[in-house]
Amino acid sequence: MADSLSSSLGEEKEKDKDDRERSRRNARTDTNKVDDGTTETLGFKTKIGDSKAKKRNLSDLSLLRFITTELTRGYFLEHNEAKYTERREKVYTCLRIPKELEKLMTFGFFLCLDAFLYVFTLLPLRVILALLRLVTVPCCGLSGSRLLQPAQVCDVLKGFIMVLCYSMMSYVDYAMMYHLIRGQSVIKLYIIYNMLEVADRLFSSFGQDILDALYWTATEPKEKKRAHIGVIPHFFMAVLYVFLHAILIMVQATTLNVAFNSHNKSLLTIMMSNNFVEIKGSVFKKFEKNNLFQMSNSDIKERFTNYILLLIVCLRNMEQFSWNPDHLWVLFPDVVMVIASEVAVDVVKHAFITKFNDISADVYGEYRASLAFDLVSSRQKNAYTDYSDSVSRRMGFIPLPLALLLIRVVTSSVKIQGSLSFMCVLLFYLGMITLKVLNSIVLLGTSCVFVKEANMEEKLSDPPPSAASSRANSRAHRIKLIHTLPQQEAAVDRGGITLSSVSPPLSNMANSSTPTIPKSDSDTFLTTPDEDDENKIINTDTGLEGDMRPKTPKKDLLEIDRFTICGNRID
């Protein structure tokens, strides 16, 4: 019994010792866990690690490993291949713009030159032939035929306008105007030059309408109801317009001449910087293809007009220095600076406009084809306008005032005395006729190629658009707007949404019921809404859009004149 009791007591003691040792081990492990783990007070996570984890964390936080990671980390552009391909195409488009733009500018320059030379070469011959017909037809007893064809009537009116305006321009003293402008301050001359540019655009827009009204009034069939004030008032309005526009261009040329002859060239520098201000006013705007076509035509007309103004300035300066050829080299750097700044501004402006508006460089080929179509269509049997008039409408370039000013400057600068001088003038006139004929032949062949490449041959046989059909279409469009707009307004008043969003398709309802998460893109920026988005109403229940303003079809390039409103403005 004693042995059994002693053995049982020994076993209990051993159990107590084992329990104590286990409790001590548990207490030690708990203290080690508390010491090894770091509990963050912000509640994000609890870090518990052993000695190996400690060593790894310390090595990850080392400066050397951070620098090594920054030097060796990589990325793959092919994961966003579409984005970088688009960027590369934009770069290629910008690189193609100077070549395509200069092709258009060169073609447009020779078109303006052809219309400009027509006033000096073929127009006097056509006027003489028309006057001979006017005299010979009554003498021959041909009473049944018309005295003059409509084109001949227009030529005679142009000739009379040029003669009357030249006689009026002979009373304008160029020297007095030069000294009057030279006495003004630099800032005042800069403001005057900008005002003259705006006035030139306004005169061009209204002047061609005055000339067209005169031509139509003089050639309108007599059986139609008289709805005009008569040919004579229209004729005097045209004479007054050509005279005032010629005076305006003379002031521009005089201001440019003062800038050339200034000692410090400050005025010329300010005037050239005005071209770069044009970049700011045009690049950061929304442009469509029709607006860019108008701007391209304006740049062609502006470049050609600047060349003629530079020619006038050189003639006036050479006259003052007794036609000394050495003085021409003095003017040469300034002339090159004006031309170079004009070309650079045009290239930069068009390059960024096409970039910001995602317009392809191939659009300039379409512009060339549209200008070529005007030249080819004016040679057709069913032509309804002269080519010089179509250039005036398309580009805003009216050659009559500019030609009148050049004739006035040349006749006042060059003195013609003796038979030898008359022979030189005759040879010069024959040379101009030769240049006009060669230029017309080359332009006509090139234009036929452009029209054929653009597949516009079928449009040559189409009849010209009539005013009655256009008025009927516009009237029908207005009636349609009158009937549709009240219904849309009533629908908006009833439910706050449009009729198209009241009964959407079931598929759209199912898609709109599921919540969508907007995707973020690195190329998406905060921009102002477009003009087309301002009149849209979005249904919050369905997510559909309804346009309160009916959309008008876009005009074809052949319908775009220089001063036609495209979108909401004229460029």
Foldseek 3Di string as FASTA:
>chain_A
DVVVVVVVVVVVVVVVVVVVVVVVVVVVVVVVQVVQKDDDPVPPDIDTDDPVVVVVVVVCPDPVVVVVCVVPDDDDPVVVVVVVVVVVVLVVQLVCQLVLLVVLLVLLLLLVVLLQLCVQFVLVVLQVVLVVLLVVCVVVVVPVDDSGDLVSVLSVLLVVLLVVLLVVCVPDDLVVLLVVLLPDDLVVLLVVLVVLVVVLLVLLVVLLVLSVVLSCQVNPDPVDDDDDDHNVVSSVVNSVSLNVSLVSLSSNLSSVLSLLPDDVSPSVVSNLVVLVVVLVVQLPDADDLLQVLLVSLQLSQVLSSVVLSVVLSVLVVCLVVVNDVVVVVVSVVSVVVSNVSSSVSVSVSVSSNCSVNVNGSCSSLVSLLLLLLLLQLQPDPLRDDHSSSQSCFARSHNNSSSSSNVVSSCPVRDDQDDPVSVVVVVVVNVVSNVVSVVSSVVSNVVNVVSNVVVVNPVVSPDHDDDPVVVVVVVVVVVVVCVVPLVQQVVCCVVPVAGPDPPDDDPVLLVVQVDDDDDDDDPPDDDDDDDPQPPQWDADPNRRDIDGSDDDDDADDSNPRTNADDGPHHHD
